[in-house]
Amino acid sequence: MVVQIETLPWAPLAKCLQAEPDTFFPEKGGSTREAKRICAECTVRDECLDYALANDERFGIWGGLSERERRKLKRLAS
């Protein structure tokens, strides 16, 4: 089942909706700096990260963390 991010109750408040999607899905080895800067100012960052962790999002920047950072967080939590 695919969930459209815009249908989540917190999503309309997400700052990423005002940015280019490519910012949050950089090419391998590309910079994540701009996405993380946007996330740092977002009021729903925690909800976004919770969503990504609960749904095992494997690509992109979610809640201010990269794929690698989310995997590390999950390992530390288990």
PDB file of N, CA and C in Angstrom:
ATOM      1  N   MET A   1       0.831  -1.176   0.000  1.00  0.00           N
ATOM      2  CA  MET A   1       0.000   0.000   0.000  1.00  0.00           C
ATOM      3  C   MET A   1       0.884   1.252   0.000  1.00  0.00           C
ATOM      4  N   VAL A   2       0.621   2.159  -0.888  1.00  0.00           N
ATOM      5  CA  VAL A   2       1.376   3.394  -0.984  1.00  0.00           C
ATOM      6  C   VAL A   2       0.560   4.511  -0.342  1.00  0.00           C
ATOM      7  N   VAL A   3       1.176   5.236   0.588  1.00  0.00           N
ATOM      8  CA  VAL A   3       0.514   6.356   1.247  1.00  0.00           C
ATOM      9  C   VAL A   3       1.047   7.643   0.641  1.00  0.00           C
ATOM     10  N   GLN A   4       0.156   8.502   0.220  1.00  0.00           N
ATOM     11  CA  GLN A   4       0.566   9.816  -0.261  1.00  0.00           C
ATOM     12  C   GLN A   4       0.891  10.664   0.957  1.00  0.00           C
ATOM     13  N   ILE A   5       2.112  11.146   1.036  1.00  0.00           N
ATOM     14  CA  ILE A   5       2.567  11.910   2.196  1.00  0.00           C
ATOM     15  C   ILE A   5       1.621  13.074   2.500  1.00  0.00           C
ATOM     16  N   GLU A   6       1.028  13.675   1.480  1.00  0.00           N
ATOM     17  CA  GLU A   6       0.147  14.817   1.684  1.00  0.00           C
ATOM     18  C   GLU A   6      -1.125  14.453   2.444  1.00  0.00           C
ATOM     19  N   THR A   7      -1.458  13.159   2.537  1.00  0.00           N
ATOM     20  CA  THR A   7      -2.679  12.752   3.239  1.00  0.00           C
ATOM     21  C   THR A   7      -2.453  12.554   4.733  1.00  0.00           C
ATOM     22  N   LEU A   8      -1.223  12.630   5.186  1.00  0.00           N
ATOM     23  CA  LEU A   8      -0.939  12.485   6.609  1.00  0.00           C
ATOM     24  C   LEU A   8      -1.315  13.775   7.325  1.00  0.00           C
ATOM     25  N   PRO A   9      -1.878  13.687   8.541  1.00  0.00           N
ATOM     26  CA  PRO A   9      -2.391  14.887   9.219  1.00  0.00           C
ATOM     27  C   PRO A   9      -1.358  15.988   9.425  1.00  0.00           C
ATOM     28  N   TRP A  10      -0.114  15.632   9.615  1.00  0.00           N
ATOM     29  CA  TRP A  10       0.934  16.619   9.867  1.00  0.00           C
ATOM     30  C   TRP A  10       1.575  17.157   8.589  1.00  0.00           C
ATOM     31  N   ALA A  11       1.399  16.459   7.491  1.00  0.00           N
ATOM     32  CA  ALA A  11       2.106  16.771   6.252  1.00  0.00           C
ATOM     33  C   ALA A  11       1.860  18.184   5.705  1.00  0.00           C
ATOM     34  N   PRO A  12       0.652  18.733   5.778  1.00  0.00           N
ATOM     35  CA  PRO A  12       0.476  20.083   5.228  1.00  0.00           C
ATOM     36  C   PRO A  12       1.365  21.137   5.888  1.00  0.00           C
ATOM     37  N   LEU A  13       1.856  20.851   7.078  1.00  0.00           N
ATOM     38  CA  LEU A  13       2.726  21.787   7.790  1.00  0.00           C
ATOM     39  C   LEU A  13       4.208  21.588   7.470  1.00  0.00           C
ATOM     40  N   ALA A  14       4.523  20.548   6.722  1.00  0.00           N
ATOM     41  CA  ALA A  14       5.915  20.203   6.441  1.00  0.00           C
ATOM     42  C   ALA A  14       6.570  21.224   5.513  1.00  0.00           C
ATOM     43  N   LYS A  15       7.721  21.713   5.907  1.00  0.00           N
ATOM     44  CA  LYS A  15       8.464  22.696   5.111  1.00  0.00           C
ATOM     45  C   LYS A  15       8.949  22.112   3.790  1.00  0.00           C
ATOM     46  N   CYS A  16       9.143  20.805   3.746  1.00  0.00           N
ATOM     47  CA  CYS A  16       9.646  20.186   2.517  1.00  0.00           C
ATOM     48  C   CYS A  16       8.675  20.328   1.354  1.00  0.00           C
ATOM     49  N   LEU A  17       7.408  20.522   1.637  1.00  0.00           N
ATOM     50  CA  LEU A  17       6.436  20.675   0.555  1.00  0.00           C
ATOM     51  C   LEU A  17       6.648  21.974  -0.220  1.00  0.00           C
ATOM     52  N   GLN A  18       7.409  22.890   0.356  1.00  0.00           N
ATOM     53  CA  GLN A  18       7.694  24.165  -0.301  1.00  0.00           C
ATOM     54  C   GLN A  18       9.031  24.127  -1.053  1.00  0.00           C
ATOM     55  N   ALA A  19       9.697  22.996  -1.030  1.00  0.00           N
ATOM     56  CA  ALA A  19      11.021  22.870  -1.649  1.00  0.00           C
ATOM     57  C   ALA A  19      10.970  21.879  -2.812  1.00  0.00           C
ATOM     58  N   GLU A  20      12.031  21.883  -3.586  1.00  0.00           N
ATOM     59  CA  GLU A  20      12.152  20.920  -4.683  1.00  0.00           C
ATOM     60  C   GLU A  20      12.323  19.509  -4.107  1.00  0.00           C
ATOM     61  N   PRO A  21      11.557  18.528  -4.562  1.00  0.00           N
ATOM     62  CA  PRO A  21      11.688  17.162  -4.056  1.00  0.00           C
ATOM     63  C   PRO A  21      13.103  16.604  -4.183  1.00  0.00           C
ATOM     64  N   ASP A  22      13.809  16.974  -5.246  1.00  0.00           N
ATOM     65  CA  ASP A  22      15.174  16.469  -5.443  1.00  0.00           C
ATOM     66  C   ASP A  22      16.093  16.845  -4.288  1.00  0.00           C
ATOM     67  N   THR A  23      15.768  17.915  -3.583  1.00  0.00           N
ATOM     68  CA  THR A  23      16.564  18.336  -2.433  1.00  0.00           C
ATOM     69  C   THR A  23      16.600  17.238  -1.378  1.00  0.00           C
ATOM     70  N   PHE A  24      15.496  16.508  -1.240  1.00  0.00           N
ATOM     71  CA  PHE A  24      15.368  15.485  -0.205  1.00  0.00           C
ATOM     72  C   PHE A  24      15.731  14.087  -0.693  1.00  0.00           C
ATOM     73  N   PHE A  25      15.995  13.970  -1.982  1.00  0.00           N
ATOM     74  CA  PHE A  25      16.387  12.694  -2.570  1.00  0.00           C
ATOM     75  C   PHE A  25      17.610  12.918  -3.464  1.00  0.00           C
ATOM     76  N   PRO A  26      18.749  13.294  -2.858  1.00  0.00           N
ATOM     77  CA  PRO A  26      19.939  13.591  -3.656  1.00  0.00           C
ATOM     78  C   PRO A  26      20.528  12.328  -4.294  1.00  0.00           C
ATOM     79  N   GLU A  27      21.269  12.545  -5.358  1.00  0.00           N
ATOM     80  CA  GLU A  27      22.006  11.445  -5.982  1.00  0.00           C
ATOM     81  C   GLU A  27      22.972  10.854  -4.961  1.00  0.00           C
ATOM     82  N   LYS A  28      23.340   9.609  -5.146  1.00  0.00           N
ATOM     83  CA  LYS A  28      24.300   8.980  -4.246  1.00  0.00           C
ATOM     84  C   LYS A  28      25.562   9.835  -4.183  1.00  0.00           C
ATOM     85  N   GLY A  29      25.965  10.151  -2.959  1.00  0.00           N
ATOM     86  CA  GLY A  29      27.132  10.990  -2.750  1.00  0.00           C
ATOM     87  C   GLY A  29      26.832  12.474  -2.807  1.00  0.00           C
ATOM     88  N   GLY A  30      25.580  12.832  -3.139  1.00  0.00           N
ATOM     89  CA  GLY A  30      25.195  14.238  -3.220  1.00  0.00           C
ATOM     90  C   GLY A  30      25.006  14.841  -1.832  1.00  0.00           C
ATOM     91  N   SER A  31      24.964  16.136  -1.775  1.00  0.00           N
ATOM     92  CA  SER A  31      24.841  16.851  -0.510  1.00  0.00           C
ATOM     93  C   SER A  31      23.428  16.762   0.069  1.00  0.00           C
ATOM     94  N   THR A  32      23.374  16.582   1.369  1.00  0.00           N
ATOM     95  CA  THR A  32      22.093  16.574   2.094  1.00  0.00           C
ATOM     96  C   THR A  32      21.945  17.845   2.924  1.00  0.00           C
ATOM     97  N   ARG A  33      22.897  18.739   2.821  1.00  0.00           N
ATOM     98  CA  ARG A  33      22.951  19.934   3.670  1.00  0.00           C
ATOM     99  C   ARG A  33      21.679  20.780   3.583  1.00  0.00           C
ATOM    100  N   GLU A  34      21.209  21.085   2.377  1.00  0.00           N
ATOM    101  CA  GLU A  34      20.033  21.944   2.213  1.00  0.00           C
ATOM    102  C   GLU A  34      18.781  21.273   2.782  1.00  0.00           C
ATOM    103  N   ALA A  35      18.616  19.989   2.529  1.00  0.00           N
ATOM    104  CA  ALA A  35      17.454  19.274   3.069  1.00  0.00           C
ATOM    105  C   ALA A  35      17.473  19.300   4.596  1.00  0.00           C
ATOM    106  N   LYS A  36      18.614  19.064   5.168  1.00  0.00           N
ATOM    107  CA  LYS A  36      18.720  19.057   6.630  1.00  0.00           C
ATOM    108  C   LYS A  36      18.492  20.450   7.212  1.00  0.00           C
ATOM    109  N   ARG A  37      18.895  21.478   6.488  1.00  0.00           N
ATOM    110  CA  ARG A  37      18.650  22.844   6.934  1.00  0.00           C
ATOM    111  C   ARG A  37      17.149  23.128   6.964  1.00  0.00           C
ATOM    112  N   ILE A  38      16.450  22.706   5.931  1.00  0.00           N
ATOM    113  CA  ILE A  38      15.000  22.883   5.867  1.00  0.00           C
ATOM    114  C   ILE A  38      14.332  22.098   6.990  1.00  0.00           C
ATOM    115  N   CYS A  39      14.749  20.870   7.192  1.00  0.00           N
ATOM    116  CA  CYS A  39      14.175  20.039   8.255  1.00  0.00           C
ATOM    117  C   CYS A  39      14.390  20.653   9.636  1.00  0.00           C
ATOM    118  N   ALA A  40      15.538  21.258   9.845  1.00  0.00           N
ATOM    119  CA  ALA A  40      15.850  21.849  11.148  1.00  0.00           C
ATOM    120  C   ALA A  40      14.868  22.954  11.515  1.00  0.00           C
ATOM    121  N   GLU A  41      14.265  23.590  10.526  1.00  0.00           N
ATOM    122  CA  GLU A  41      13.310  24.671  10.756  1.00  0.00           C
ATOM    123  C   GLU A  41      11.860  24.194  10.732  1.00  0.00           C
ATOM    124  N   CYS A  42      11.643  22.919  10.531  1.00  0.00           N
ATOM    125  CA  CYS A  42      10.290  22.378  10.345  1.00  0.00           C
ATOM    126  C   CYS A  42       9.633  22.025  11.684  1.00  0.00           C
ATOM    127  N   THR A  43       8.380  22.417  11.830  1.00  0.00           N
ATOM    128  CA  THR A  43       7.645  22.162  13.074  1.00  0.00           C
ATOM    129  C   THR A  43       7.154  20.722  13.201  1.00  0.00           C
ATOM    130  N   VAL A  44       7.160  19.969  12.113  1.00  0.00           N
ATOM    131  CA  VAL A  44       6.684  18.583  12.167  1.00  0.00           C
ATOM    132  C   VAL A  44       7.822  17.585  11.905  1.00  0.00           C
ATOM    133  N   ARG A  45       9.019  17.999  12.194  1.00  0.00           N
ATOM    134  CA  ARG A  45      10.190  17.144  11.975  1.00  0.00           C
ATOM    135  C   ARG A  45      10.080  15.814  12.716  1.00  0.00           C
ATOM    136  N   ASP A  46       9.666  15.856  13.980  1.00  0.00           N
ATOM    137  CA  ASP A  46       9.558  14.619  14.760  1.00  0.00           C
ATOM    138  C   ASP A  46       8.526  13.671  14.167  1.00  0.00           C
ATOM    139  N   GLU A  47       7.389  14.200  13.747  1.00  0.00           N
ATOM    140  CA  GLU A  47       6.350  13.367  13.145  1.00  0.00           C
ATOM    141  C   GLU A  47       6.845  12.730  11.850  1.00  0.00           C
ATOM    142  N   CYS A  48       7.587  13.505  11.086  1.00  0.00           N
ATOM    143  CA  CYS A  48       8.151  13.017   9.831  1.00  0.00           C
ATOM    144  C   CYS A  48       9.134  11.874  10.087  1.00  0.00           C
ATOM    145  N   LEU A  49      10.009  12.066  11.050  1.00  0.00           N
ATOM    146  CA  LEU A  49      10.983  11.020  11.381  1.00  0.00           C
ATOM    147  C   LEU A  49      10.276   9.778  11.901  1.00  0.00           C
ATOM    148  N   ASP A  50       9.291   9.952  12.767  1.00  0.00           N
ATOM    149  CA  ASP A  50       8.525   8.807  13.276  1.00  0.00           C
ATOM    150  C   ASP A  50       7.886   8.034  12.131  1.00  0.00           C
ATOM    151  N   TYR A  51       7.318   8.759  11.172  1.00  0.00           N
ATOM    152  CA  TYR A  51       6.701   8.123  10.011  1.00  0.00           C
ATOM    153  C   TYR A  51       7.730   7.311   9.234  1.00  0.00           C
ATOM    154  N   ALA A  52       8.874   7.915   8.971  1.00  0.00           N
ATOM    155  CA  ALA A  52       9.922   7.237   8.195  1.00  0.00           C
ATOM    156  C   ALA A  52      10.408   5.976   8.894  1.00  0.00           C
ATOM    157  N   LEU A  53      10.586   6.057  10.202  1.00  0.00           N
ATOM    158  CA  LEU A  53      11.049   4.880  10.953  1.00  0.00           C
ATOM    159  C   LEU A  53       9.985   3.792  10.989  1.00  0.00           C
ATOM    160  N   ALA A  54       8.740   4.178  11.221  1.00  0.00           N
ATOM    161  CA  ALA A  54       7.644   3.198  11.303  1.00  0.00           C
ATOM    162  C   ALA A  54       7.378   2.530   9.962  1.00  0.00           C
ATOM    163  N   ASN A  55       7.643   3.239   8.873  1.00  0.00           N
ATOM    164  CA  ASN A  55       7.350   2.714   7.532  1.00  0.00           C
ATOM    165  C   ASN A  55       8.585   2.278   6.777  1.00  0.00           C
ATOM    166  N   ASP A  56       9.706   2.209   7.478  1.00  0.00           N
ATOM    167  CA  ASP A  56      10.961   1.729   6.906  1.00  0.00           C
ATOM    168  C   ASP A  56      11.309   2.424   5.593  1.00  0.00           C
ATOM    169  N   GLU A  57      11.173   3.765   5.596  1.00  0.00           N
ATOM    170  CA  GLU A  57      11.558   4.546   4.418  1.00  0.00           C
ATOM    171  C   GLU A  57      13.059   4.381   4.206  1.00  0.00           C
ATOM    172  N   ARG A  58      13.443   3.937   3.044  1.00  0.00           N
ATOM    173  CA  ARG A  58      14.852   3.636   2.784  1.00  0.00           C
ATOM    174  C   ARG A  58      15.562   4.682   1.956  1.00  0.00           C
ATOM    175  N   PHE A  59      14.833   5.633   1.436  1.00  0.00           N
ATOM    176  CA  PHE A  59      15.455   6.627   0.567  1.00  0.00           C
ATOM    177  C   PHE A  59      15.092   8.025   1.028  1.00  0.00           C
ATOM    178  N   GLY A  60      16.005   8.933   0.846  1.00  0.00           N
ATOM    179  CA  GLY A  60      15.734  10.332   1.087  1.00  0.00           C
ATOM    180  C   GLY A  60      15.989  10.796   2.510  1.00  0.00           C
ATOM    181  N   ILE A  61      15.794  12.092   2.690  1.00  0.00           N
ATOM    182  CA  ILE A  61      15.929  12.727   3.994  1.00  0.00           C
ATOM    183  C   ILE A  61      14.536  12.829   4.590  1.00  0.00           C
ATOM    184  N   TRP A  62      14.378  12.279   5.769  1.00  0.00           N
ATOM    185  CA  TRP A  62      13.102  12.315   6.490  1.00  0.00           C
ATOM    186  C   TRP A  62      13.391  12.750   7.917  1.00  0.00           C
ATOM    187  N   GLY A  63      12.679  13.745   8.399  1.00  0.00           N
ATOM    188  CA  GLY A  63      12.884  14.195   9.771  1.00  0.00           C
ATOM    189  C   GLY A  63      14.301  14.671  10.035  1.00  0.00           C
ATOM    190  N   GLY A  64      14.972  15.094   8.997  1.00  0.00           N
ATOM    191  CA  GLY A  64      16.329  15.609   9.142  1.00  0.00           C
ATOM    192  C   GLY A  64      17.425  14.572   9.132  1.00  0.00           C
ATOM    193  N   LEU A  65      17.073  13.313   8.904  1.00  0.00           N
ATOM    194  CA  LEU A  65      18.083  12.253   8.901  1.00  0.00           C
ATOM    195  C   LEU A  65      18.152  11.553   7.549  1.00  0.00           C
ATOM    196  N   SER A  66      19.355  11.167   7.185  1.00  0.00           N
ATOM    197  CA  SER A  66      19.573  10.408   5.948  1.00  0.00           C
ATOM    198  C   SER A  66      19.226   8.943   6.183  1.00  0.00           C
ATOM    199  N   GLU A  67      19.249   8.183   5.107  1.00  0.00           N
ATOM    200  CA  GLU A  67      18.990   6.743   5.215  1.00  0.00           C
ATOM    201  C   GLU A  67      19.951   6.099   6.212  1.00  0.00           C
ATOM    202  N   ARG A  68      21.217   6.406   6.082  1.00  0.00           N
ATOM    203  CA  ARG A  68      22.244   5.827   6.957  1.00  0.00           C
ATOM    204  C   ARG A  68      21.996   6.216   8.417  1.00  0.00           C
ATOM    205  N   GLU A  69      21.658   7.467   8.645  1.00  0.00           N
ATOM    206  CA  GLU A  69      21.411   7.932  10.014  1.00  0.00           C
ATOM    207  C   GLU A  69      20.173   7.272  10.622  1.00  0.00           C
ATOM    208  N   ARG A  70      19.154   7.041   9.813  1.00  0.00           N
ATOM    209  CA  ARG A  70      17.950   6.351  10.314  1.00  0.00           C
ATOM    210  C   ARG A  70      18.252   4.896  10.637  1.00  0.00           C
ATOM    211  N   ARG A  71      19.047   4.233   9.796  1.00  0.00           N
ATOM    212  CA  ARG A  71      19.429   2.838  10.091  1.00  0.00           C
ATOM    213  C   ARG A  71      20.194   2.762  11.411  1.00  0.00           C
ATOM    214  N   LYS A  72      21.122   3.681  11.617  1.00  0.00           N
ATOM    215  CA  LYS A  72      21.900   3.709  12.856  1.00  0.00           C
ATOM    216  C   LYS A  72      20.983   3.948  14.061  1.00  0.00           C
ATOM    217  N   LEU A  73      20.056   4.874  13.929  1.00  0.00           N
ATOM    218  CA  LEU A  73      19.109   5.160  15.007  1.00  0.00           C
ATOM    219  C   LEU A  73      18.283   3.920  15.350  1.00  0.00           C
ATOM    220  N   LYS A  74      17.829   3.201  14.332  1.00  0.00           N
ATOM    221  CA  LYS A  74      17.036   1.982  14.558  1.00  0.00           C
ATOM    222  C   LYS A  74      17.879   0.916  15.261  1.00  0.00           C
ATOM    223  N   ARG A  75      19.135   0.783  14.848  1.00  0.00           N
ATOM    224  CA  ARG A  75      20.014  -0.210  15.498  1.00  0.00           C
ATOM    225  C   ARG A  75      20.212   0.143  16.971  1.00  0.00           C
ATOM    226  N   LEU A  76      20.439   1.407  17.255  1.00  0.00           N
ATOM    227  CA  LEU A  76      20.656   1.837  18.630  1.00  0.00           C
ATOM    228  C   LEU A  76      19.411   1.663  19.503  1.00  0.00           C
ATOM    229  N   ALA A  77      18.242   1.792  18.871  1.00  0.00           N
ATOM    230  CA  ALA A  77      16.974   1.667  19.600  1.00  0.00           C
ATOM    231  C   ALA A  77      16.614   0.215  19.901  1.00  0.00           C
ATOM    232  N   SER A  78      17.185  -0.710  19.145  1.00  0.00           N
ATOM    233  CA  SER A  78      16.806  -2.129  19.346  1.00  0.00           C
ATOM    234  C   SER A  78      17.716  -2.833  20.326  1.00  0.00           C
TER     235      SER A  78
END
